[in-house]
Amino acid sequence: MNIRIVSSKEEIETLENEEIVHFAFRPSNKDIFMLVKSCPKLKAIHNPNSYKKTISKSTLMFLEMQGIELLERDVWGHRKDINEYYEIKPRQIV
């Protein structure tokens, strides 16, 4: 599964058909609304744990109503200048 890394507010407007997006900056409510508007197929927003504390309850409720999950994880060591996407390998079931 590939996660699109977004490192600036200006980059949000260039997105179209992403399903999972990781914010590499602390998004405002407006940034999240712009992302949902730009990406109608959005399934999840991937954020560092510390960023969730700054997202308003109304935005969390909006995401829930849209069926968009808020995932809390980091993408340590990823270099966006090499690849815009971060790949998560599926977990192996034992």
PDB file of N, CA and C in Angstrom:
ATOM      1  N   MET A   1       0.852  -1.163   0.000  1.00  0.00           N
ATOM      2  CA  MET A   1       0.000   0.000   0.000  1.00  0.00           C
ATOM      3  C   MET A   1       0.901   1.231   0.000  1.00  0.00           C
ATOM      4  N   ASN A   2       0.578   2.199  -0.813  1.00  0.00           N
ATOM      5  CA  ASN A   2       1.356   3.428  -0.909  1.00  0.00           C
ATOM      6  C   ASN A   2       0.632   4.584  -0.235  1.00  0.00           C
ATOM      7  N   ILE A   3       1.400   5.359   0.502  1.00  0.00           N
ATOM      8  CA  ILE A   3       0.875   6.552   1.170  1.00  0.00           C
ATOM      9  C   ILE A   3       1.542   7.762   0.536  1.00  0.00           C
ATOM     10  N   ARG A   4       0.747   8.718   0.099  1.00  0.00           N
ATOM     11  CA  ARG A   4       1.283   9.944  -0.500  1.00  0.00           C
ATOM     12  C   ARG A   4       1.729  10.879   0.615  1.00  0.00           C
ATOM     13  N   ILE A   5       2.970  11.325   0.545  1.00  0.00           N
ATOM     14  CA  ILE A   5       3.521  12.253   1.528  1.00  0.00           C
ATOM     15  C   ILE A   5       3.259  13.676   1.045  1.00  0.00           C
ATOM     16  N   VAL A   6       2.633  14.475   1.897  1.00  0.00           N
ATOM     17  CA  VAL A   6       2.357  15.878   1.582  1.00  0.00           C
ATOM     18  C   VAL A   6       3.189  16.722   2.543  1.00  0.00           C
ATOM     19  N   SER A   7       4.103  17.503   2.002  1.00  0.00           N
ATOM     20  CA  SER A   7       5.013  18.253   2.859  1.00  0.00           C
ATOM     21  C   SER A   7       4.743  19.752   2.921  1.00  0.00           C
ATOM     22  N   SER A   8       3.737  20.234   2.173  1.00  0.00           N
ATOM     23  CA  SER A   8       3.407  21.659   2.247  1.00  0.00           C
ATOM     24  C   SER A   8       1.937  21.897   1.925  1.00  0.00           C
ATOM     25  N   LYS A   9       1.442  23.020   2.374  1.00  0.00           N
ATOM     26  CA  LYS A   9       0.042  23.386   2.131  1.00  0.00           C
ATOM     27  C   LYS A   9      -0.223  23.555   0.635  1.00  0.00           C
ATOM     28  N   GLU A  10       0.736  24.083  -0.080  1.00  0.00           N
ATOM     29  CA  GLU A  10       0.579  24.335  -1.508  1.00  0.00           C
ATOM     30  C   GLU A  10       0.416  23.031  -2.292  1.00  0.00           C
ATOM     31  N   GLU A  11       0.992  21.970  -1.791  1.00  0.00           N
ATOM     32  CA  GLU A  11       0.941  20.683  -2.472  1.00  0.00           C
ATOM     33  C   GLU A  11      -0.460  20.060  -2.449  1.00  0.00           C
ATOM     34  N   ILE A  12      -1.275  20.416  -1.475  1.00  0.00           N
ATOM     35  CA  ILE A  12      -2.618  19.853  -1.349  1.00  0.00           C
ATOM     36  C   ILE A  12      -3.438  20.094  -2.601  1.00  0.00           C
ATOM     37  N   GLU A  13      -3.332  21.282  -3.166  1.00  0.00           N
ATOM     38  CA  GLU A  13      -4.115  21.641  -4.350  1.00  0.00           C
ATOM     39  C   GLU A  13      -3.743  20.825  -5.584  1.00  0.00           C
ATOM     40  N   THR A  14      -2.547  20.230  -5.586  1.00  0.00           N
ATOM     41  CA  THR A  14      -2.103  19.465  -6.755  1.00  0.00           C
ATOM     42  C   THR A  14      -2.550  18.001  -6.701  1.00  0.00           C
ATOM     43  N   LEU A  15      -3.108  17.561  -5.597  1.00  0.00           N
ATOM     44  CA  LEU A  15      -3.522  16.167  -5.443  1.00  0.00           C
ATOM     45  C   LEU A  15      -4.871  15.938  -6.097  1.00  0.00           C
ATOM     46  N   GLU A  16      -5.097  14.714  -6.583  1.00  0.00           N
ATOM     47  CA  GLU A  16      -6.377  14.412  -7.218  1.00  0.00           C
ATOM     48  C   GLU A  16      -7.000  13.113  -6.724  1.00  0.00           C
ATOM     49  N   ASN A  17      -6.347  12.000  -6.941  1.00  0.00           N
ATOM     50  CA  ASN A  17      -6.974  10.703  -6.687  1.00  0.00           C
ATOM     51  C   ASN A  17      -6.248   9.883  -5.625  1.00  0.00           C
ATOM     52  N   GLU A  18      -5.744  10.524  -4.615  1.00  0.00           N
ATOM     53  CA  GLU A  18      -5.034   9.803  -3.561  1.00  0.00           C
ATOM     54  C   GLU A  18      -6.033   9.156  -2.605  1.00  0.00           C
ATOM     55  N   GLU A  19      -5.672   7.983  -2.091  1.00  0.00           N
ATOM     56  CA  GLU A  19      -6.539   7.288  -1.139  1.00  0.00           C
ATOM     57  C   GLU A  19      -6.049   7.429   0.297  1.00  0.00           C
ATOM     58  N   ILE A  20      -4.718   7.467   0.477  1.00  0.00           N
ATOM     59  CA  ILE A  20      -4.146   7.650   1.807  1.00  0.00           C
ATOM     60  C   ILE A  20      -3.074   8.727   1.705  1.00  0.00           C
ATOM     61  N   VAL A  21      -3.152   9.710   2.601  1.00  0.00           N
ATOM     62  CA  VAL A  21      -2.229  10.843   2.576  1.00  0.00           C
ATOM     63  C   VAL A  21      -1.599  11.001   3.953  1.00  0.00           C
ATOM     64  N   HIS A  22      -0.288  11.259   3.973  1.00  0.00           N
ATOM     65  CA  HIS A  22       0.421  11.554   5.221  1.00  0.00           C
ATOM     66  C   HIS A  22       0.816  13.022   5.213  1.00  0.00           C
ATOM     67  N   PHE A  23       0.437  13.741   6.261  1.00  0.00           N
ATOM     68  CA  PHE A  23       0.857  15.136   6.408  1.00  0.00           C
ATOM     69  C   PHE A  23       2.206  15.177   7.104  1.00  0.00           C
ATOM     70  N   ALA A  24       3.210  15.749   6.449  1.00  0.00           N
ATOM     71  CA  ALA A  24       4.536  15.906   7.039  1.00  0.00           C
ATOM     72  C   ALA A  24       4.647  17.263   7.741  1.00  0.00           C
ATOM     73  N   PHE A  25       3.535  17.946   7.878  1.00  0.00           N
ATOM     74  CA  PHE A  25       3.465  19.214   8.613  1.00  0.00           C
ATOM     75  C   PHE A  25       2.176  19.179   9.428  1.00  0.00           C
ATOM     76  N   ARG A  26       2.054  20.089  10.368  1.00  0.00           N
ATOM     77  CA  ARG A  26       0.859  20.128  11.219  1.00  0.00           C
ATOM     78  C   ARG A  26      -0.274  20.797  10.438  1.00  0.00           C
ATOM     79  N   PRO A  27      -1.279  20.021   9.983  1.00  0.00           N
ATOM     80  CA  PRO A  27      -2.335  20.593   9.145  1.00  0.00           C
ATOM     81  C   PRO A  27      -3.352  21.381   9.956  1.00  0.00           C
ATOM     82  N   SER A  28      -3.837  22.443   9.368  1.00  0.00           N
ATOM     83  CA  SER A  28      -4.936  23.183   9.983  1.00  0.00           C
ATOM     84  C   SER A  28      -6.242  22.523   9.544  1.00  0.00           C
ATOM     85  N   ASN A  29      -7.337  22.944  10.134  1.00  0.00           N
ATOM     86  CA  ASN A  29      -8.645  22.416   9.718  1.00  0.00           C
ATOM     87  C   ASN A  29      -8.884  22.706   8.239  1.00  0.00           C
ATOM     88  N   LYS A  30      -8.492  23.887   7.809  1.00  0.00           N
ATOM     89  CA  LYS A  30      -8.665  24.278   6.400  1.00  0.00           C
ATOM     90  C   LYS A  30      -7.887  23.337   5.481  1.00  0.00           C
ATOM     91  N   ASP A  31      -6.666  22.955   5.884  1.00  0.00           N
ATOM     92  CA  ASP A  31      -5.862  22.036   5.076  1.00  0.00           C
ATOM     93  C   ASP A  31      -6.556  20.689   4.922  1.00  0.00           C
ATOM     94  N   ILE A  32      -7.149  20.208   5.999  1.00  0.00           N
ATOM     95  CA  ILE A  32      -7.847  18.922   5.954  1.00  0.00           C
ATOM     96  C   ILE A  32      -9.071  19.011   5.062  1.00  0.00           C
ATOM     97  N   PHE A  33      -9.847  20.090   5.173  1.00  0.00           N
ATOM     98  CA  PHE A  33     -11.021  20.268   4.310  1.00  0.00           C
ATOM     99  C   PHE A  33     -10.618  20.364   2.843  1.00  0.00           C
ATOM    100  N   MET A  34      -9.510  21.083   2.556  1.00  0.00           N
ATOM    101  CA  MET A  34      -9.015  21.189   1.180  1.00  0.00           C
ATOM    102  C   MET A  34      -8.607  19.823   0.644  1.00  0.00           C
ATOM    103  N   LEU A  35      -7.978  19.010   1.490  1.00  0.00           N
ATOM    104  CA  LEU A  35      -7.562  17.676   1.074  1.00  0.00           C
ATOM    105  C   LEU A  35      -8.764  16.812   0.721  1.00  0.00           C
ATOM    106  N   VAL A  36      -9.789  16.841   1.553  1.00  0.00           N
ATOM    107  CA  VAL A  36     -10.997  16.050   1.293  1.00  0.00           C
ATOM    108  C   VAL A  36     -11.660  16.512  -0.002  1.00  0.00           C
ATOM    109  N   LYS A  37     -11.654  17.804  -0.242  1.00  0.00           N
ATOM    110  CA  LYS A  37     -12.239  18.347  -1.474  1.00  0.00           C
ATOM    111  C   LYS A  37     -11.412  17.938  -2.706  1.00  0.00           C
ATOM    112  N   SER A  38     -10.093  17.960  -2.587  1.00  0.00           N
ATOM    113  CA  SER A  38      -9.213  17.630  -3.712  1.00  0.00           C
ATOM    114  C   SER A  38      -9.195  16.142  -4.041  1.00  0.00           C
ATOM    115  N   CYS A  39      -9.387  15.303  -3.033  1.00  0.00           N
ATOM    116  CA  CYS A  39      -9.263  13.847  -3.209  1.00  0.00           C
ATOM    117  C   CYS A  39     -10.569  13.151  -2.838  1.00  0.00           C
ATOM    118  N   PRO A  40     -11.504  13.024  -3.785  1.00  0.00           N
ATOM    119  CA  PRO A  40     -12.799  12.416  -3.468  1.00  0.00           C
ATOM    120  C   PRO A  40     -12.712  10.936  -3.092  1.00  0.00           C
ATOM    121  N   LYS A  41     -11.610  10.259  -3.452  1.00  0.00           N
ATOM    122  CA  LYS A  41     -11.444   8.843  -3.129  1.00  0.00           C
ATOM    123  C   LYS A  41     -10.690   8.628  -1.808  1.00  0.00           C
ATOM    124  N   LEU A  42     -10.460   9.681  -1.060  1.00  0.00           N
ATOM    125  CA  LEU A  42      -9.670   9.607   0.169  1.00  0.00           C
ATOM    126  C   LEU A  42     -10.294   8.644   1.168  1.00  0.00           C
ATOM    127  N   LYS A  43      -9.470   7.712   1.677  1.00  0.00           N
ATOM    128  CA  LYS A  43      -9.924   6.733   2.659  1.00  0.00           C
ATOM    129  C   LYS A  43      -9.345   6.988   4.039  1.00  0.00           C
ATOM    130  N   ALA A  44      -8.124   7.585   4.081  1.00  0.00           N
ATOM    131  CA  ALA A  44      -7.478   7.780   5.379  1.00  0.00           C
ATOM    132  C   ALA A  44      -6.458   8.911   5.313  1.00  0.00           C
ATOM    133  N   ILE A  45      -6.292   9.553   6.463  1.00  0.00           N
ATOM    134  CA  ILE A  45      -5.247  10.551   6.649  1.00  0.00           C
ATOM    135  C   ILE A  45      -4.297   9.968   7.678  1.00  0.00           C
ATOM    136  N   HIS A  46      -3.034   9.975   7.343  1.00  0.00           N
ATOM    137  CA  HIS A  46      -1.978   9.377   8.152  1.00  0.00           C
ATOM    138  C   HIS A  46      -1.217  10.530   8.798  1.00  0.00           C
ATOM    139  N   ASN A  47      -1.200  10.594  10.131  1.00  0.00           N
ATOM    140  CA  ASN A  47      -0.583  11.699  10.863  1.00  0.00           C
ATOM    141  C   ASN A  47       0.310  11.188  11.977  1.00  0.00           C
ATOM    142  N   PRO A  48       1.345  11.947  12.352  1.00  0.00           N
ATOM    143  CA  PRO A  48       2.067  11.606  13.570  1.00  0.00           C
ATOM    144  C   PRO A  48       1.127  11.738  14.779  1.00  0.00           C
ATOM    145  N   ASN A  49       1.382  10.962  15.820  1.00  0.00           N
ATOM    146  CA  ASN A  49       0.519  10.956  17.005  1.00  0.00           C
ATOM    147  C   ASN A  49       0.312  12.346  17.596  1.00  0.00           C
ATOM    148  N   SER A  50       1.367  13.133  17.659  1.00  0.00           N
ATOM    149  CA  SER A  50       1.280  14.448  18.300  1.00  0.00           C
ATOM    150  C   SER A  50       0.362  15.415  17.544  1.00  0.00           C
ATOM    151  N   TYR A  51       0.155  15.206  16.242  1.00  0.00           N
ATOM    152  CA  TYR A  51      -0.683  16.111  15.465  1.00  0.00           C
ATOM    153  C   TYR A  51      -2.171  15.928  15.752  1.00  0.00           C
ATOM    154  N   LYS A  52      -2.576  14.735  16.144  1.00  0.00           N
ATOM    155  CA  LYS A  52      -3.998  14.477  16.369  1.00  0.00           C
ATOM    156  C   LYS A  52      -4.561  15.378  17.471  1.00  0.00           C
ATOM    157  N   LYS A  53      -3.725  15.713  18.444  1.00  0.00           N
ATOM    158  CA  LYS A  53      -4.174  16.545  19.562  1.00  0.00           C
ATOM    159  C   LYS A  53      -4.588  17.945  19.107  1.00  0.00           C
ATOM    160  N   THR A  54      -4.112  18.386  17.953  1.00  0.00           N
ATOM    161  CA  THR A  54      -4.413  19.741  17.485  1.00  0.00           C
ATOM    162  C   THR A  54      -5.570  19.791  16.486  1.00  0.00           C
ATOM    163  N   ILE A  55      -6.117  18.636  16.130  1.00  0.00           N
ATOM    164  CA  ILE A  55      -7.242  18.609  15.200  1.00  0.00           C
ATOM    165  C   ILE A  55      -8.532  18.788  15.993  1.00  0.00           C
ATOM    166  N   SER A  56      -9.363  19.715  15.569  1.00  0.00           N
ATOM    167  CA  SER A  56     -10.577  20.040  16.315  1.00  0.00           C
ATOM    168  C   SER A  56     -11.580  18.886  16.293  1.00  0.00           C
ATOM    169  N   LYS A  57     -12.455  18.886  17.287  1.00  0.00           N
ATOM    170  CA  LYS A  57     -13.489  17.854  17.365  1.00  0.00           C
ATOM    171  C   LYS A  57     -14.431  17.921  16.172  1.00  0.00           C
ATOM    172  N   SER A  58     -14.706  19.124  15.695  1.00  0.00           N
ATOM    173  CA  SER A  58     -15.604  19.249  14.541  1.00  0.00           C
ATOM    174  C   SER A  58     -14.972  18.653  13.285  1.00  0.00           C
ATOM    175  N   THR A  59     -13.660  18.806  13.124  1.00  0.00           N
ATOM    176  CA  THR A  59     -12.981  18.215  11.981  1.00  0.00           C
ATOM    177  C   THR A  59     -12.951  16.694  12.109  1.00  0.00           C
ATOM    178  N   LEU A  60     -12.722  16.182  13.310  1.00  0.00           N
ATOM    179  CA  LEU A  60     -12.753  14.733  13.536  1.00  0.00           C
ATOM    180  C   LEU A  60     -14.134  14.175  13.206  1.00  0.00           C
ATOM    181  N   MET A  61     -15.187  14.911  13.595  1.00  0.00           N
ATOM    182  CA  MET A  61     -16.549  14.488  13.305  1.00  0.00           C
ATOM    183  C   MET A  61     -16.808  14.531  11.791  1.00  0.00           C
ATOM    184  N   PHE A  62     -16.313  15.561  11.118  1.00  0.00           N
ATOM    185  CA  PHE A  62     -16.446  15.667   9.662  1.00  0.00           C
ATOM    186  C   PHE A  62     -15.792  14.475   8.971  1.00  0.00           C
ATOM    187  N   LEU A  63     -14.579  14.127   9.397  1.00  0.00           N
ATOM    188  CA  LEU A  63     -13.878  12.991   8.797  1.00  0.00           C
ATOM    189  C   LEU A  63     -14.654  11.692   9.022  1.00  0.00           C
ATOM    190  N   GLU A  64     -15.199  11.545  10.207  1.00  0.00           N
ATOM    191  CA  GLU A  64     -15.993  10.355  10.516  1.00  0.00           C
ATOM    192  C   GLU A  64     -17.228  10.277   9.620  1.00  0.00           C
ATOM    193  N   MET A  65     -17.903  11.408   9.429  1.00  0.00           N
ATOM    194  CA  MET A  65     -19.096  11.439   8.577  1.00  0.00           C
ATOM    195  C   MET A  65     -18.748  11.126   7.120  1.00  0.00           C
ATOM    196  N   GLN A  66     -17.543  11.489   6.692  1.00  0.00           N
ATOM    197  CA  GLN A  66     -17.097  11.229   5.322  1.00  0.00           C
ATOM    198  C   GLN A  66     -16.552   9.811   5.161  1.00  0.00           C
ATOM    199  N   GLY A  67     -16.419   9.088   6.273  1.00  0.00           N
ATOM    200  CA  GLY A  67     -15.880   7.727   6.221  1.00  0.00           C
ATOM    201  C   GLY A  67     -14.374   7.692   6.037  1.00  0.00           C
ATOM    202  N   ILE A  68     -13.698   8.747   6.511  1.00  0.00           N
ATOM    203  CA  ILE A  68     -12.245   8.841   6.374  1.00  0.00           C
ATOM    204  C   ILE A  68     -11.606   8.560   7.728  1.00  0.00           C
ATOM    205  N   GLU A  69     -10.711   7.586   7.746  1.00  0.00           N
ATOM    206  CA  GLU A  69     -10.033   7.222   8.992  1.00  0.00           C
ATOM    207  C   GLU A  69      -8.870   8.165   9.257  1.00  0.00           C
ATOM    208  N   LEU A  70      -8.564   8.357  10.529  1.00  0.00           N
ATOM    209  CA  LEU A  70      -7.396   9.133  10.929  1.00  0.00           C
ATOM    210  C   LEU A  70      -6.415   8.149  11.554  1.00  0.00           C
ATOM    211  N   LEU A  71      -5.350   7.845  10.829  1.00  0.00           N
ATOM    212  CA  LEU A  71      -4.348   6.885  11.278  1.00  0.00           C
ATOM    213  C   LEU A  71      -3.205   7.624  11.964  1.00  0.00           C
ATOM    214  N   GLU A  72      -2.744   7.090  13.074  1.00  0.00           N
ATOM    215  CA  GLU A  72      -1.665   7.734  13.829  1.00  0.00           C
ATOM    216  C   GLU A  72      -0.390   6.919  13.710  1.00  0.00           C
ATOM    217  N   ARG A  73       0.500   7.360  12.852  1.00  0.00           N
ATOM    218  CA  ARG A  73       1.799   6.708  12.675  1.00  0.00           C
ATOM    219  C   ARG A  73       2.773   7.724  12.075  1.00  0.00           C
ATOM    220  N   ASP A  74       4.036   7.375  12.123  1.00  0.00           N
ATOM    221  CA  ASP A  74       5.069   8.216  11.533  1.00  0.00           C
ATOM    222  C   ASP A  74       5.701   7.512  10.343  1.00  0.00           C
ATOM    223  N   VAL A  75       6.365   8.253   9.502  1.00  0.00           N
ATOM    224  CA  VAL A  75       7.103   7.689   8.370  1.00  0.00           C
ATOM    225  C   VAL A  75       8.576   8.076   8.512  1.00  0.00           C
ATOM    226  N   TRP A  76       9.206   7.574   9.525  1.00  0.00           N
ATOM    227  CA  TRP A  76      10.600   7.910   9.829  1.00  0.00           C
ATOM    228  C   TRP A  76      11.535   7.506   8.695  1.00  0.00           C
ATOM    229  N   GLY A  77      12.452   8.402   8.389  1.00  0.00           N
ATOM    230  CA  GLY A  77      13.507   8.096   7.435  1.00  0.00           C
ATOM    231  C   GLY A  77      13.116   8.173   5.971  1.00  0.00           C
ATOM    232  N   HIS A  78      11.889   8.562   5.679  1.00  0.00           N
ATOM    233  CA  HIS A  78      11.473   8.637   4.273  1.00  0.00           C
ATOM    234  C   HIS A  78      12.013   9.913   3.642  1.00  0.00           C
ATOM    235  N   ARG A  79      12.560   9.789   2.433  1.00  0.00           N
ATOM    236  CA  ARG A  79      13.060  10.949   1.700  1.00  0.00           C
ATOM    237  C   ARG A  79      12.135  11.237   0.534  1.00  0.00           C
ATOM    238  N   LYS A  80      11.388  12.314   0.659  1.00  0.00           N
ATOM    239  CA  LYS A  80      10.403  12.663  -0.363  1.00  0.00           C
ATOM    240  C   LYS A  80      11.063  13.084  -1.671  1.00  0.00           C
ATOM    241  N   ASP A  81      12.293  13.575  -1.613  1.00  0.00           N
ATOM    242  CA  ASP A  81      12.967  13.966  -2.853  1.00  0.00           C
ATOM    243  C   ASP A  81      13.287  12.759  -3.735  1.00  0.00           C
ATOM    244  N   ILE A  82      13.286  11.559  -3.157  1.00  0.00           N
ATOM    245  CA  ILE A  82      13.519  10.343  -3.920  1.00  0.00           C
ATOM    246  C   ILE A  82      12.196   9.744  -4.396  1.00  0.00           C
ATOM    247  N   ASN A  83      11.174   9.738  -3.528  1.00  0.00           N
ATOM    248  CA  ASN A  83       9.886   9.147  -3.876  1.00  0.00           C
ATOM    249  C   ASN A  83       8.778   9.861  -3.107  1.00  0.00           C
ATOM    250  N   GLU A  84       7.724  10.282  -3.806  1.00  0.00           N
ATOM    251  CA  GLU A  84       6.599  10.974  -3.170  1.00  0.00           C
ATOM    252  C   GLU A  84       5.759  10.050  -2.298  1.00  0.00           C
ATOM    253  N   TYR A  85       5.915   8.744  -2.508  1.00  0.00           N
ATOM    254  CA  TYR A  85       5.087   7.768  -1.800  1.00  0.00           C
ATOM    255  C   TYR A  85       5.923   6.973  -0.798  1.00  0.00           C
ATOM    256  N   TYR A  86       5.287   6.634   0.300  1.00  0.00           N
ATOM    257  CA  TYR A  86       5.878   5.766   1.322  1.00  0.00           C
ATOM    258  C   TYR A  86       5.130   4.448   1.241  1.00  0.00           C
ATOM    259  N   GLU A  87       5.861   3.350   1.142  1.00  0.00           N
ATOM    260  CA  GLU A  87       5.219   2.050   0.965  1.00  0.00           C
ATOM    261  C   GLU A  87       5.132   1.313   2.294  1.00  0.00           C
ATOM    262  N   ILE A  88       3.930   0.803   2.577  1.00  0.00           N
ATOM    263  CA  ILE A  88       3.710  -0.032   3.750  1.00  0.00           C
ATOM    264  C   ILE A  88       3.475  -1.447   3.241  1.00  0.00           C
ATOM    265  N   LYS A  89       4.280  -2.357   3.729  1.00  0.00           N
ATOM    266  CA  LYS A  89       4.122  -3.752   3.312  1.00  0.00           C
ATOM    267  C   LYS A  89       3.011  -4.392   4.133  1.00  0.00           C
ATOM    268  N   PRO A  90       2.187  -5.232   3.498  1.00  0.00           N
ATOM    269  CA  PRO A  90       1.109  -5.879   4.228  1.00  0.00           C
ATOM    270  C   PRO A  90       1.678  -6.785   5.336  1.00  0.00           C
ATOM    271  N   ARG A  91       0.976  -6.826   6.456  1.00  0.00           N
ATOM    272  CA  ARG A  91       1.412  -7.667   7.574  1.00  0.00           C
ATOM    273  C   ARG A  91       1.180  -9.126   7.214  1.00  0.00           C
ATOM    274  N   GLN A  92       2.098  -9.929   7.599  1.00  0.00           N
ATOM    275  CA  GLN A  92       1.954 -11.356   7.362  1.00  0.00           C
ATOM    276  C   GLN A  92       1.223 -11.962   8.552  1.00  0.00           C
ATOM    277  N   ILE A  93       0.192 -12.729   8.259  1.00  0.00           N
ATOM    278  CA  ILE A  93      -0.589 -13.376   9.302  1.00  0.00           C
ATOM    279  C   ILE A  93       0.034 -14.732   9.604  1.00  0.00           C
ATOM    280  N   VAL A  94       0.350 -14.951  10.865  1.00  0.00           N
ATOM    281  CA  VAL A  94       0.983 -16.212  11.268  1.00  0.00           C
ATOM    282  C   VAL A  94      -0.046 -17.171  11.788  1.00  0.00           C
TER     283      VAL A  94
END
